[in-house]
N, C-alpha and C. Protein backbone atom coordinates (compact mmCIF):
# COMPACT_ATOMS: atom_id res chain seq x y z
N MET A 1 84.78 101.81 86.83
CA MET A 1 84.79 101.13 88.13
C MET A 1 84.56 102.67 89.04
N SER A 2 83.85 102.62 89.83
CA SER A 2 83.76 103.70 90.70
C SER A 2 84.87 104.10 91.57
N PHE A 3 84.92 105.47 92.10
CA PHE A 3 86.11 105.95 92.96
C PHE A 3 86.08 104.80 94.30
N ILE A 4 84.75 104.82 94.84
CA ILE A 4 84.77 104.21 96.15
C ILE A 4 85.23 102.62 95.58
N LYS A 5 84.90 101.92 94.81
CA LYS A 5 85.37 100.65 94.46
C LYS A 5 86.97 100.68 94.04
N LYS A 6 87.35 101.62 93.59
CA LYS A 6 88.62 101.62 93.38
C LYS A 6 89.43 101.65 94.60
N ARG A 7 89.03 102.16 95.70
CA ARG A 7 89.87 102.60 96.66
C ARG A 7 89.72 101.38 97.52
N SER A 8 88.61 100.69 97.51
CA SER A 8 88.46 99.40 98.04
C SER A 8 89.01 98.49 97.36
N SER A 9 89.29 98.42 96.04
CA SER A 9 90.48 97.27 95.48
C SER A 9 91.75 97.31 95.86
N LEU A 10 91.95 98.70 95.91
CA LEU A 10 93.45 99.00 96.20
C LEU A 10 94.08 98.75 97.78
N LEU A 11 92.82 98.91 98.64
CA LEU A 11 93.09 98.49 100.26
C LEU A 11 93.61 96.97 100.09
N LYS A 12 92.76 96.11 99.33
CA LYS A 12 92.71 94.73 99.43
C LYS A 12 93.97 94.14 98.82
N SER A 13 94.61 95.11 98.00
CA SER A 13 95.87 94.56 97.48
C SER A 13 97.07 94.44 98.63
N PRO A 14 97.71 93.25 98.47
CA PRO A 14 99.20 93.23 99.31
C PRO A 14 100.19 94.30 98.99
N PHE A 15 99.91 94.83 98.14
CA PHE A 15 100.90 96.05 97.30
C PHE A 15 100.09 97.32 97.75
N PHE A 16 99.35 97.44 98.64
CA PHE A 16 98.94 98.65 99.03
C PHE A 16 99.78 99.89 99.28
N ILE A 17 100.38 99.47 100.56
CA ILE A 17 101.02 100.58 100.84
C ILE A 17 102.19 101.21 99.77
N PHE A 18 102.75 100.35 98.96
CA PHE A 18 103.76 100.82 97.93
C PHE A 18 102.78 101.60 96.79
N LYS A 19 101.53 101.18 96.41
CA LYS A 19 100.70 101.77 95.39
C LYS A 19 100.22 102.84 95.80
N LYS A 20 100.00 103.07 97.06
CA LYS A 20 99.14 104.37 97.68
C LYS A 20 100.27 105.48 97.79
N LEU A 21 101.57 104.99 98.20
CA LEU A 21 102.80 106.07 98.18
C LEU A 21 103.08 106.36 97.09
N GLN A 22 103.05 105.57 95.95
CA GLN A 22 103.38 105.58 94.57
C GLN A 22 102.36 106.79 93.97
N ARG A 23 101.49 106.67 93.95
CA ARG A 23 100.33 107.36 93.34
C ARG A 23 100.36 108.89 94.10
N LYS A 24 100.64 109.00 95.31
CA LYS A 24 100.77 110.30 96.09
C LYS A 24 101.92 111.05 95.36
N VAL A 25 103.20 110.15 95.24
CA VAL A 25 104.47 110.81 94.47
C VAL A 25 103.93 111.50 92.93
N PHE A 26 103.27 110.47 92.33
CA PHE A 26 102.74 110.88 90.89
C PHE A 26 101.89 112.18 90.96
N SER A 27 101.16 112.28 91.84
CA SER A 27 100.17 113.54 91.98
C SER A 27 101.12 114.64 91.93
N GLN A 28 102.24 114.56 92.50
CA GLN A 28 103.19 115.77 92.76
C GLN A 28 103.63 116.28 91.34
N LEU A 29 103.76 115.47 90.75
CA LEU A 29 104.44 115.53 89.41
C LEU A 29 103.62 115.43 88.00
N SER A 30 102.50 115.07 88.32
CA SER A 30 101.38 114.81 86.98
C SER A 30 101.34 116.07 86.42
N TYR A 31 101.33 117.03 86.49
CA TYR A 31 100.84 118.23 86.00
C TYR A 31 101.95 118.77 84.76
N TYR A 32 103.13 118.00 84.83
CA TYR A 32 103.89 118.04 83.60
C TYR A 32 103.70 117.18 82.53
N LEU A 33 103.19 116.25 82.91
CA LEU A 33 102.21 115.35 81.84
C LEU A 33 101.31 115.35 80.95
N HIS A 34 101.41 115.65 79.96
CA HIS A 34 100.38 116.07 79.22
C HIS A 34 100.20 115.66 77.65
N GLY A 35 99.18 116.26 76.87
CA GLY A 35 99.17 115.85 75.58
C GLY A 35 98.86 114.50 75.12
N ASP A 36 99.83 114.07 74.37
CA ASP A 36 99.56 112.79 73.67
C ASP A 36 100.54 112.14 74.29
N VAL A 37 100.00 111.27 75.47
CA VAL A 37 100.79 110.34 76.69
C VAL A 37 100.91 108.92 76.06
N LEU A 38 102.19 108.12 76.33
CA LEU A 38 102.15 106.78 76.17
C LEU A 38 102.57 106.23 77.58
N ASP A 39 101.77 105.42 78.14
CA ASP A 39 101.90 104.73 79.47
C ASP A 39 102.49 103.29 79.04
N VAL A 40 104.03 103.08 79.23
CA VAL A 40 104.31 101.85 79.14
C VAL A 40 104.34 100.65 80.46
N GLY A 41 103.94 99.60 79.77
CA GLY A 41 103.43 98.54 80.90
C GLY A 41 102.22 99.19 81.76
N CYS A 42 101.35 99.47 81.38
CA CYS A 42 100.35 100.11 81.99
C CYS A 42 99.43 99.62 82.85
N GLY A 43 99.31 98.13 82.60
CA GLY A 43 98.37 97.50 83.36
C GLY A 43 97.02 97.96 83.39
N SER A 44 96.61 98.56 84.61
CA SER A 44 95.13 98.64 84.87
C SER A 44 94.79 100.25 84.79
N MET A 45 95.97 100.83 84.06
CA MET A 45 95.80 102.28 83.90
C MET A 45 95.51 103.30 85.23
N PRO A 46 96.26 103.15 86.22
CA PRO A 46 96.18 103.65 87.70
C PRO A 46 96.12 105.35 87.48
N PHE A 47 97.04 105.56 86.54
CA PHE A 47 97.35 107.11 86.59
C PHE A 47 96.68 108.06 85.52
N LYS A 48 95.71 107.26 84.74
CA LYS A 48 95.13 108.16 83.51
C LYS A 48 94.01 108.87 84.06
N ASP A 49 93.58 108.74 84.99
CA ASP A 49 92.64 110.15 85.41
C ASP A 49 93.28 111.31 86.22
N THR A 50 94.38 111.01 86.43
CA THR A 50 95.36 112.20 86.84
C THR A 50 96.29 112.94 86.05
N VAL A 51 96.17 112.67 84.71
CA VAL A 51 96.87 113.31 83.51
C VAL A 51 96.00 114.02 82.67
N ASN A 52 96.49 115.41 82.43
CA ASN A 52 95.62 116.34 81.20
C ASN A 52 96.01 115.68 80.22
N TYR A 53 95.46 114.88 79.46
CA TYR A 53 95.77 114.34 78.05
C TYR A 53 95.14 114.57 76.98
N ARG A 54 95.87 114.71 75.86
CA ARG A 54 94.88 114.77 74.62
C ARG A 54 94.36 113.37 74.01
N SER A 55 95.50 112.58 73.96
CA SER A 55 95.21 111.01 73.57
C SER A 55 96.27 110.39 74.78
N TYR A 56 95.81 108.87 74.92
CA TYR A 56 96.34 108.00 76.04
C TYR A 56 96.35 106.83 75.48
N ARG A 57 97.89 106.49 74.98
CA ARG A 57 98.11 105.21 74.51
C ARG A 57 98.77 104.02 75.69
N CYS A 58 98.20 102.89 75.65
CA CYS A 58 98.52 101.95 76.50
C CYS A 58 99.14 100.82 75.89
N LEU A 59 100.51 100.69 76.25
CA LEU A 59 101.73 99.56 75.93
C LEU A 59 101.69 98.64 76.65
N ASP A 60 101.54 96.94 76.45
CA ASP A 60 102.18 96.19 77.46
C ASP A 60 102.67 94.82 76.24
N ILE A 61 103.31 94.21 77.30
CA ILE A 61 103.72 92.79 76.41
C ILE A 61 102.63 91.58 76.30
N SER A 62 101.49 91.87 76.92
CA SER A 62 100.63 90.94 76.63
C SER A 62 99.08 91.68 76.56
N PHE A 63 98.49 91.01 76.05
CA PHE A 63 96.96 91.56 75.76
C PHE A 63 96.09 91.74 76.65
N SER A 64 95.23 92.75 77.11
CA SER A 64 94.47 92.80 78.29
C SER A 64 93.10 93.98 77.47
N SER A 65 92.25 93.99 78.46
CA SER A 65 90.95 94.87 77.71
C SER A 65 91.42 96.34 77.77
N ASN A 66 92.46 96.64 78.57
CA ASN A 66 92.90 98.05 78.61
C ASN A 66 94.07 98.63 77.34
N LEU A 67 94.57 97.39 76.75
CA LEU A 67 95.71 97.69 75.91
C LEU A 67 94.96 98.41 74.50
N ASP A 68 95.98 99.33 74.16
CA ASP A 68 95.94 99.86 72.83
C ASP A 68 96.89 99.21 71.71
N VAL A 69 97.87 98.80 72.39
CA VAL A 69 99.06 98.22 71.55
C VAL A 69 99.83 97.11 72.56
N VAL A 70 100.04 95.92 71.81
CA VAL A 70 100.79 94.68 72.47
C VAL A 70 102.51 95.14 71.62
N GLY A 71 103.58 95.53 72.77
CA GLY A 71 104.64 95.70 72.01
C GLY A 71 105.45 95.43 73.22
N ASP A 72 107.01 95.80 72.55
CA ASP A 72 108.20 95.53 73.41
C ASP A 72 108.70 96.82 73.83
N VAL A 73 109.12 97.22 74.88
CA VAL A 73 109.52 98.37 75.46
C VAL A 73 110.68 98.78 74.77
N LEU A 74 111.62 97.46 74.44
CA LEU A 74 112.81 97.86 73.91
C LEU A 74 112.64 98.00 72.36
N TYR A 75 111.62 97.98 71.52
CA TYR A 75 111.39 98.34 70.59
C TYR A 75 110.14 98.83 70.03
N LEU A 76 110.12 100.16 70.47
CA LEU A 76 108.68 100.69 70.88
C LEU A 76 108.04 100.75 69.22
N PRO A 77 106.66 100.43 69.07
CA PRO A 77 106.45 100.35 67.64
C PRO A 77 105.39 101.64 67.44
N PHE A 78 106.12 103.01 67.74
CA PHE A 78 105.76 103.97 67.12
C PHE A 78 106.88 104.98 66.32
N LYS A 79 106.53 106.09 65.80
CA LYS A 79 107.43 106.81 65.07
C LYS A 79 108.13 107.92 66.04
N ASP A 80 109.25 108.28 65.47
CA ASP A 80 110.07 109.34 66.36
C ASP A 80 108.93 110.53 66.36
N ASN A 81 109.39 111.12 67.56
CA ASN A 81 108.40 112.30 67.98
C ASN A 81 107.33 112.13 67.85
N SER A 82 106.80 111.12 68.55
CA SER A 82 105.21 110.51 68.36
C SER A 82 104.42 111.23 69.97
N PHE A 83 105.29 111.38 70.75
CA PHE A 83 104.67 111.79 72.13
C PHE A 83 105.07 112.91 72.87
N ASP A 84 104.02 113.57 73.66
CA ASP A 84 104.54 114.81 74.43
C ASP A 84 105.01 113.93 75.81
N SER A 85 104.41 112.95 76.39
CA SER A 85 104.92 112.39 77.78
C SER A 85 105.00 110.89 77.33
N VAL A 86 105.79 110.61 78.40
CA VAL A 86 105.96 108.93 78.77
C VAL A 86 105.81 108.77 80.14
N ILE A 87 105.01 107.53 80.48
CA ILE A 87 105.18 107.09 82.12
C ILE A 87 105.67 105.53 81.94
N ILE A 88 106.58 105.33 82.66
CA ILE A 88 106.81 103.93 82.92
C ILE A 88 107.10 103.66 84.41
N THR A 89 106.05 102.92 85.07
CA THR A 89 106.12 102.82 86.44
C THR A 89 106.42 101.08 86.68
N GLU A 90 107.32 100.70 87.54
CA GLU A 90 107.47 99.62 87.96
C GLU A 90 107.84 98.50 86.68
N VAL A 91 108.64 98.96 85.67
CA VAL A 91 108.95 98.15 84.71
C VAL A 91 110.27 97.99 84.38
N LEU A 92 111.42 98.98 84.65
CA LEU A 92 112.53 98.83 84.41
C LEU A 92 113.45 97.82 85.29
N GLU A 93 112.88 97.38 86.20
CA GLU A 93 113.64 96.25 87.07
C GLU A 93 113.42 94.92 86.60
N HIS A 94 112.40 94.85 85.25
CA HIS A 94 112.10 93.66 84.58
C HIS A 94 112.81 93.68 83.30
N ILE A 95 113.30 94.84 83.12
CA ILE A 95 114.16 94.61 81.71
C ILE A 95 115.68 94.81 81.85
N PHE A 96 116.23 93.63 81.12
CA PHE A 96 118.03 93.34 81.47
C PHE A 96 118.90 94.77 80.59
N SER A 97 118.21 95.29 80.07
CA SER A 97 118.90 96.55 79.58
C SER A 97 117.97 97.80 79.47
N PRO A 98 117.98 98.28 80.94
CA PRO A 98 117.22 99.50 81.01
C PRO A 98 117.53 100.79 80.19
N ALA A 99 118.86 100.78 79.74
CA ALA A 99 119.34 102.06 79.24
C ALA A 99 118.95 102.08 77.78
N THR A 100 118.39 100.80 77.06
CA THR A 100 117.71 100.73 75.90
C THR A 100 116.54 101.14 75.63
N VAL A 101 115.71 101.19 76.87
CA VAL A 101 114.59 101.76 77.35
C VAL A 101 114.45 103.23 77.10
N ILE A 102 115.68 103.60 77.71
CA ILE A 102 115.84 105.45 77.70
C ILE A 102 115.81 105.74 76.50
N LEU A 103 116.62 104.96 75.64
CA LEU A 103 116.85 105.58 74.51
C LEU A 103 115.65 105.60 73.46
N GLU A 104 115.18 104.49 73.55
CA GLU A 104 113.80 104.27 73.01
C GLU A 104 112.75 105.31 73.34
N VAL A 105 112.67 105.62 74.53
CA VAL A 105 111.54 106.69 75.16
C VAL A 105 111.88 108.03 74.49
N LYS A 106 113.34 108.28 74.48
CA LYS A 106 113.98 109.47 73.83
C LYS A 106 113.62 109.81 72.49
N ARG A 107 113.63 108.64 71.68
CA ARG A 107 113.43 108.62 70.39
C ARG A 107 111.91 108.99 70.28
N VAL A 108 111.18 108.57 71.00
CA VAL A 108 109.76 108.84 70.46
C VAL A 108 109.15 109.79 71.20
N LEU A 109 109.74 110.44 72.14
CA LEU A 109 109.39 111.73 72.69
C LEU A 109 109.70 112.91 71.89
N ARG A 110 108.71 113.93 71.91
CA ARG A 110 108.74 114.84 70.77
C ARG A 110 109.81 115.94 71.71
N PRO A 111 110.13 117.07 71.08
CA PRO A 111 111.30 118.00 71.63
C PRO A 111 110.86 118.57 72.91
N LYS A 112 111.56 118.60 74.18
CA LYS A 112 111.19 118.89 75.59
C LYS A 112 110.03 118.38 76.05
N GLY A 113 109.72 116.84 75.49
CA GLY A 113 108.90 116.09 76.05
C GLY A 113 109.17 115.45 77.67
N TYR A 114 108.29 115.06 78.25
CA TYR A 114 108.55 114.60 79.58
C TYR A 114 108.52 113.23 79.68
N LEU A 115 109.18 112.43 80.79
CA LEU A 115 109.39 111.27 81.04
C LEU A 115 109.12 110.85 82.30
N TYR A 116 108.29 110.40 82.92
CA TYR A 116 108.06 109.93 84.49
C TYR A 116 108.30 108.33 84.72
N ILE A 117 109.02 108.06 85.47
CA ILE A 117 109.73 106.67 85.77
C ILE A 117 109.64 106.35 87.28
N SER A 118 109.15 105.41 87.83
CA SER A 118 109.10 105.07 89.08
C SER A 118 109.68 103.53 88.91
N VAL A 119 110.35 103.14 89.98
CA VAL A 119 110.97 101.86 90.18
C VAL A 119 111.22 101.64 91.61
N PRO A 120 111.62 100.17 92.00
CA PRO A 120 111.52 100.10 93.47
C PRO A 120 113.07 100.11 93.68
N MET A 121 113.15 100.38 95.27
CA MET A 121 114.49 100.19 95.52
C MET A 121 115.04 98.85 96.59
N THR A 122 113.62 98.54 97.12
CA THR A 122 113.63 97.58 98.20
C THR A 122 112.46 96.59 97.84
N TRP A 123 112.48 95.70 97.52
CA TRP A 123 111.28 94.79 97.41
C TRP A 123 111.54 93.18 97.07
N GLY A 124 110.92 92.38 97.21
CA GLY A 124 111.10 91.12 97.03
C GLY A 124 111.18 90.77 95.68
N LEU A 125 111.51 89.49 95.47
CA LEU A 125 111.25 88.74 94.02
C LEU A 125 110.13 88.79 93.47
N HIS A 126 109.68 89.26 92.33
CA HIS A 126 108.62 89.16 91.69
C HIS A 126 108.48 89.24 89.96
N TYR A 127 107.53 88.38 89.53
CA TYR A 127 107.53 88.04 88.10
C TYR A 127 108.61 87.40 87.68
N GLU A 128 109.15 86.61 88.73
CA GLU A 128 110.29 85.56 88.20
C GLU A 128 110.11 84.93 86.98
N PRO A 129 111.48 84.57 86.31
CA PRO A 129 112.52 84.87 86.58
C PRO A 129 113.14 86.33 85.73
N ASN A 130 112.08 87.11 85.24
CA ASN A 130 112.44 88.45 85.02
C ASN A 130 112.03 89.58 86.06
N ASP A 131 113.22 89.37 87.03
CA ASP A 131 113.31 90.34 87.83
C ASP A 131 114.80 90.82 88.11
N PHE A 132 115.38 91.69 87.73
CA PHE A 132 116.79 91.89 87.30
C PHE A 132 117.68 93.05 88.16
N TRP A 133 116.61 93.95 88.47
CA TRP A 133 117.26 95.12 89.10
C TRP A 133 116.71 95.79 90.01
N ARG A 134 117.10 96.38 91.12
CA ARG A 134 116.94 97.42 92.24
C ARG A 134 117.42 98.87 92.13
N PHE A 135 117.07 99.74 92.14
CA PHE A 135 117.65 101.15 91.55
C PHE A 135 117.62 101.94 93.21
N THR A 136 118.71 102.72 93.09
CA THR A 136 118.93 103.91 94.13
C THR A 136 118.76 105.21 93.29
N LYS A 137 118.49 106.19 94.09
CA LYS A 137 118.19 107.49 93.29
C LYS A 137 119.56 108.06 92.31
N TYR A 138 120.59 107.68 92.88
CA TYR A 138 121.67 107.89 91.81
C TYR A 138 121.98 106.91 90.88
N SER A 139 121.60 105.64 90.71
CA SER A 139 121.79 104.92 89.46
C SER A 139 120.59 105.31 88.58
N LEU A 140 119.65 105.65 89.06
CA LEU A 140 118.35 106.15 88.32
C LEU A 140 118.55 107.44 87.74
N PHE A 141 119.26 108.47 88.54
CA PHE A 141 119.59 109.63 87.84
C PHE A 141 120.62 109.25 86.76
N LYS A 142 121.51 108.60 86.95
CA LYS A 142 122.74 108.12 85.88
C LYS A 142 121.99 107.86 84.83
N LEU A 143 121.11 106.97 84.72
CA LEU A 143 120.28 106.02 83.81
C LEU A 143 119.89 107.01 83.07
N VAL A 144 118.97 107.87 83.59
CA VAL A 144 118.13 108.90 82.63
C VAL A 144 118.67 110.03 82.12
N SER A 145 120.03 110.49 82.83
CA SER A 145 120.66 111.68 82.34
C SER A 145 121.55 111.34 81.05
N GLU A 146 122.09 109.88 81.26
CA GLU A 146 123.15 109.64 80.07
C GLU A 146 122.22 109.03 78.73
N GLY A 147 120.97 108.88 79.01
CA GLY A 147 120.06 108.51 78.20
C GLY A 147 119.46 110.13 77.27
N GLY A 148 120.18 111.07 77.41
CA GLY A 148 119.61 112.28 76.87
C GLY A 148 118.58 112.87 77.52
N MET A 149 118.22 112.72 78.93
CA MET A 149 117.25 113.49 79.42
C MET A 149 117.83 114.76 80.55
N ASN A 150 117.29 115.63 80.71
CA ASN A 150 117.41 116.58 82.00
C ASN A 150 116.61 116.32 82.88
N VAL A 151 117.22 115.91 84.17
CA VAL A 151 116.66 115.39 85.24
C VAL A 151 115.84 116.75 86.03
N ILE A 152 114.51 116.52 85.99
CA ILE A 152 114.24 117.60 86.97
C ILE A 152 113.74 117.55 88.41
N SER A 153 113.42 116.07 88.55
CA SER A 153 113.27 115.98 89.99
C SER A 153 113.20 114.55 90.49
N ILE A 154 113.55 114.19 91.45
CA ILE A 154 113.63 112.67 91.93
C ILE A 154 112.91 112.95 93.52
N ILE A 155 111.98 111.85 93.73
CA ILE A 155 111.23 111.76 94.74
C ILE A 155 111.47 110.38 95.19
N ARG A 156 111.75 110.43 96.66
CA ARG A 156 111.52 109.13 97.39
C ARG A 156 110.10 108.76 97.43
N ILE A 157 109.92 107.29 97.44
CA ILE A 157 108.73 106.46 97.80
C ILE A 157 108.71 105.96 98.90
N GLY A 158 108.23 106.63 99.95
CA GLY A 158 108.40 105.68 101.15
C GLY A 158 109.89 105.36 101.82
N GLY A 159 109.66 105.16 103.26
CA GLY A 159 110.75 104.96 103.92
C GLY A 159 111.05 103.87 104.60
N VAL A 160 111.91 103.70 105.62
CA VAL A 160 112.07 102.58 106.26
C VAL A 160 110.78 102.16 106.92
N PHE A 161 110.01 102.72 107.55
CA PHE A 161 108.76 102.09 108.11
C PHE A 161 107.99 101.60 107.39
N SER A 162 107.81 102.45 106.17
CA SER A 162 106.94 101.93 104.83
C SER A 162 107.44 100.73 104.32
N GLN A 163 108.89 100.57 104.25
CA GLN A 163 109.29 99.47 103.87
C GLN A 163 109.13 98.05 104.77
N ILE A 164 109.59 98.46 105.97
CA ILE A 164 109.16 97.24 106.79
C ILE A 164 107.73 96.41 106.73
N GLY A 165 106.84 97.74 106.94
CA GLY A 165 105.34 97.20 106.74
C GLY A 165 104.75 96.66 105.80
N ALA A 166 105.43 97.00 104.36
CA ALA A 166 104.99 96.57 103.14
C ALA A 166 105.40 95.18 103.03
N ARG A 167 106.92 94.87 103.37
CA ARG A 167 107.25 93.45 103.38
C ARG A 167 106.43 92.53 104.53
N LEU A 168 106.14 92.84 105.31
CA LEU A 168 105.53 92.28 106.44
C LEU A 168 104.01 91.92 105.80
N VAL A 169 103.32 93.05 105.43
CA VAL A 169 102.03 92.76 104.85
C VAL A 169 102.36 91.74 103.67
N ASP A 170 103.01 91.69 102.65
CA ASP A 170 103.00 90.85 101.70
C ASP A 170 103.66 89.27 102.34
N VAL A 171 104.52 89.22 103.38
CA VAL A 171 104.79 88.04 103.97
C VAL A 171 103.56 87.43 104.66
N ILE A 172 102.88 88.09 105.29
CA ILE A 172 101.73 87.68 105.81
C ILE A 172 100.60 87.31 105.06
N PHE A 173 100.27 88.10 103.63
CA PHE A 173 99.62 87.48 102.45
C PHE A 173 99.64 86.11 101.96
N GLU A 174 101.43 86.19 101.92
CA GLU A 174 101.28 84.84 101.24
C GLU A 174 101.40 83.81 102.24
N PHE A 175 101.40 83.85 103.62
CA PHE A 175 101.43 82.82 104.60
C PHE A 175 100.13 82.42 104.43
N ILE A 176 98.93 83.53 104.64
CA ILE A 176 97.69 83.33 104.85
C ILE A 176 96.93 82.02 103.48
N LYS A 177 97.59 82.58 102.30
CA LYS A 177 97.04 81.82 101.05
C LYS A 177 97.60 80.36 101.34
N LYS A 178 98.87 80.15 101.73
CA LYS A 178 99.46 78.78 101.89
C LYS A 178 98.77 78.00 102.90
N LYS A 179 98.19 78.75 103.94
CA LYS A 179 97.51 77.92 104.98
C LYS A 179 95.89 77.51 104.47
N LEU A 180 95.45 78.51 103.42
CA LEU A 180 94.23 78.10 102.96
C LEU A 180 94.24 77.26 101.77
N PHE A 181 95.14 76.14 101.91
CA PHE A 181 95.06 75.24 100.75
C PHE A 181 93.74 74.72 100.15
N PHE A 182 92.82 74.30 100.95
CA PHE A 182 91.79 73.52 100.73
C PHE A 182 90.76 74.40 100.13
N PHE A 183 91.15 75.87 100.01
CA PHE A 183 90.18 76.78 99.33
C PHE A 183 90.76 77.07 97.65
N SER A 184 89.52 77.45 96.75
CA SER A 184 90.08 77.67 95.53
C SER A 184 91.07 78.78 95.38
N PRO A 185 91.92 79.07 94.48
CA PRO A 185 92.73 80.34 94.62
C PRO A 185 92.10 81.53 94.60
N ARG A 186 90.85 81.83 93.95
CA ARG A 186 90.04 83.11 94.26
C ARG A 186 89.66 83.30 95.47
N TRP A 187 89.19 82.38 96.23
CA TRP A 187 88.74 82.36 97.79
C TRP A 187 89.60 82.81 98.62
N LYS A 188 91.23 82.15 98.18
CA LYS A 188 92.28 82.38 99.04
C LYS A 188 92.90 83.81 99.02
N GLU A 189 92.68 84.35 97.85
CA GLU A 189 92.87 85.63 97.74
C GLU A 189 92.14 86.77 98.27
N ARG A 190 90.67 86.22 98.20
CA ARG A 190 89.59 87.21 98.91
C ARG A 190 90.19 87.05 100.61
N ILE A 191 90.14 85.88 101.12
CA ILE A 191 90.19 85.94 102.66
C ILE A 191 91.67 86.36 102.75
N ALA A 192 92.69 86.24 102.09
CA ALA A 192 93.83 86.71 102.80
C ALA A 192 94.02 88.48 102.58
N SER A 193 93.20 88.85 101.45
CA SER A 193 92.98 90.36 101.20
C SER A 193 92.47 90.86 102.40
N GLY A 194 91.00 90.29 103.01
CA GLY A 194 90.52 91.01 103.88
C GLY A 194 91.31 90.79 105.51
N ILE A 195 91.88 89.89 105.40
CA ILE A 195 92.71 90.08 106.66
C ILE A 195 93.92 90.72 106.75
N ILE A 196 94.50 91.30 105.60
CA ILE A 196 95.68 91.83 105.67
C ILE A 196 95.43 93.47 105.86
N SER A 197 94.09 93.72 105.29
CA SER A 197 93.64 95.24 104.99
C SER A 197 93.87 96.18 106.12
N PRO A 198 93.66 95.84 107.35
CA PRO A 198 93.79 96.61 108.49
C PRO A 198 95.24 96.87 109.01
N PHE A 199 96.23 95.88 108.56
CA PHE A 199 97.66 95.62 108.71
C PHE A 199 98.28 96.92 107.55
N SER A 200 97.53 96.59 106.42
CA SER A 200 98.15 97.70 105.26
C SER A 200 98.04 99.27 105.84
N LEU A 201 96.48 99.40 106.39
CA LEU A 201 96.30 101.07 106.56
C LEU A 201 97.15 101.14 108.09
N MET A 202 97.34 100.46 108.93
CA MET A 202 98.17 100.72 109.86
C MET A 202 99.54 101.19 109.61
N PHE A 203 100.34 100.29 108.59
CA PHE A 203 101.47 100.44 108.35
C PHE A 203 101.85 101.64 107.43
N TYR A 204 100.71 101.82 106.73
CA TYR A 204 100.70 103.13 105.81
C TYR A 204 100.81 104.47 106.44
N PHE A 205 100.06 104.55 107.72
CA PHE A 205 100.21 105.82 108.41
C PHE A 205 101.22 105.68 109.38
N LEU A 206 101.47 104.58 109.85
CA LEU A 206 103.14 104.55 110.44
C LEU A 206 103.84 105.08 109.69
N GLY A 207 104.07 104.59 108.41
CA GLY A 207 104.89 105.09 107.59
C GLY A 207 104.85 106.62 107.34
N LEU A 208 103.82 107.29 107.06
CA LEU A 208 103.53 108.80 106.66
C LEU A 208 104.35 109.49 108.17
N LEU A 209 104.04 108.94 109.29
CA LEU A 209 104.42 109.86 110.37
C LEU A 209 106.13 109.48 110.59
N LEU A 210 106.46 108.32 110.42
CA LEU A 210 107.94 108.02 110.77
C LEU A 210 108.98 107.99 109.66
N ASP A 211 108.50 107.69 108.60
CA ASP A 211 109.56 107.76 107.40
C ASP A 211 110.62 108.98 107.51
N LYS A 212 110.34 109.97 107.76
CA LYS A 212 111.12 111.36 107.80
C LYS A 212 112.24 111.19 108.88
N ILE A 213 112.18 110.15 109.62
CA ILE A 213 113.21 110.03 110.54
C ILE A 213 114.81 109.86 109.88
N ASP A 214 114.36 108.91 108.88
CA ASP A 214 115.75 108.52 108.50
C ASP A 214 115.55 108.42 106.64
N HIS A 215 116.46 108.97 106.06
CA HIS A 215 116.22 109.20 104.59
C HIS A 215 117.12 108.52 103.76
N ARG A 216 117.59 107.27 104.37
CA ARG A 216 118.69 106.68 103.67
C ARG A 216 117.97 105.25 102.84
N ASP A 217 116.34 105.25 103.49
CA ASP A 217 116.06 104.00 102.89
C ASP A 217 114.97 104.32 102.13
N ALA A 218 114.23 103.32 101.28
CA ALA A 218 113.20 103.92 100.30
C ALA A 218 112.52 102.53 99.62
N LEU A 219 111.07 102.80 99.66
CA LEU A 219 110.58 101.58 98.77
C LEU A 219 110.85 101.86 97.50
N GLY A 220 111.10 102.80 96.97
CA GLY A 220 111.57 103.15 95.27
C GLY A 220 111.57 104.58 95.62
N TRP A 221 112.01 104.97 93.92
CA TRP A 221 112.21 106.22 93.48
C TRP A 221 111.34 106.36 92.41
N ALA A 222 111.03 107.87 92.37
CA ALA A 222 110.26 108.34 91.13
C ALA A 222 111.13 109.67 90.52
N ILE A 223 111.16 109.58 89.05
CA ILE A 223 111.85 110.74 88.67
C ILE A 223 110.97 111.16 87.47
N LEU A 224 111.33 112.50 87.31
CA LEU A 224 110.62 113.27 86.11
C LEU A 224 111.96 113.82 85.40
N ALA A 225 112.00 114.02 84.11
CA ALA A 225 112.89 114.33 83.26
C ALA A 225 112.39 114.87 82.23
N GLN A 226 113.15 115.59 81.33
CA GLN A 226 112.77 116.17 79.91
C GLN A 226 113.71 116.25 78.83
N LYS A 227 113.04 115.75 77.98
CA LYS A 227 114.28 115.25 76.81
C LYS A 227 115.29 116.57 76.69
N ARG A 228 116.31 116.38 76.38
CA ARG A 228 117.27 117.51 76.04
C ARG A 228 117.33 118.15 74.76
N THR A 229 117.16 119.20 74.44
CA THR A 229 116.99 119.81 73.09
C THR A 229 118.51 119.41 72.27
N ASP A 230 119.62 119.11 73.07
CA ASP A 230 120.72 118.64 72.23
C ASP A 230 120.90 117.43 71.78
N SER A 231 119.64 116.65 72.25
CA SER A 231 119.36 115.08 71.83
C SER A 231 118.40 114.89 71.03
N LEU A 232 118.20 115.93 70.05
CA LEU A 232 116.85 115.57 69.03
C LEU A 232 117.21 114.97 68.09
């Protein structure tokens, strides 16, 4: 998919605001991620092109054309010390035992390997009924550090205005789809996506301007950590 097509596809997503901010944060920390990389819950692998990798393995729970491995994040099907870097984005909220995930990641990371995680702090229910957690920066720090990792950086993803905009766009998107009951699901998505695109752009730039006013709210958090040498 070309760069222009990727940007167009992202803009039409009801999650444009979060994904755009998420990728902005990822780009600030991606230079740490290198070598043999494991992307857990990789989806369409949106971060692959921004990582300096030697090999890039993609793991998810169900098969798709992007996957290298179908597997469970609680029981990663890899040997100890297999990877230099692990990426986990918007996965932990769907795992009832996130601490177990951190321990598994630590196991497959090589000495001084890097872990990048992003999670939501405020978002509606999704992928129900497997939607269990929302994280503050403090709970994320505690989870990762108690799992044998040294935290290098925690960065906020969006703020209160991005949060309001993202939720409004999502609600409008779902409302439009319900009103278009006489269309096929595919056309519902297309029409609703076209309508929400200008709202997504407006709220995205509004968030960039105004999110700095208050630092208590966030759409989510991203954390970069390194495997501790005393936990090898």
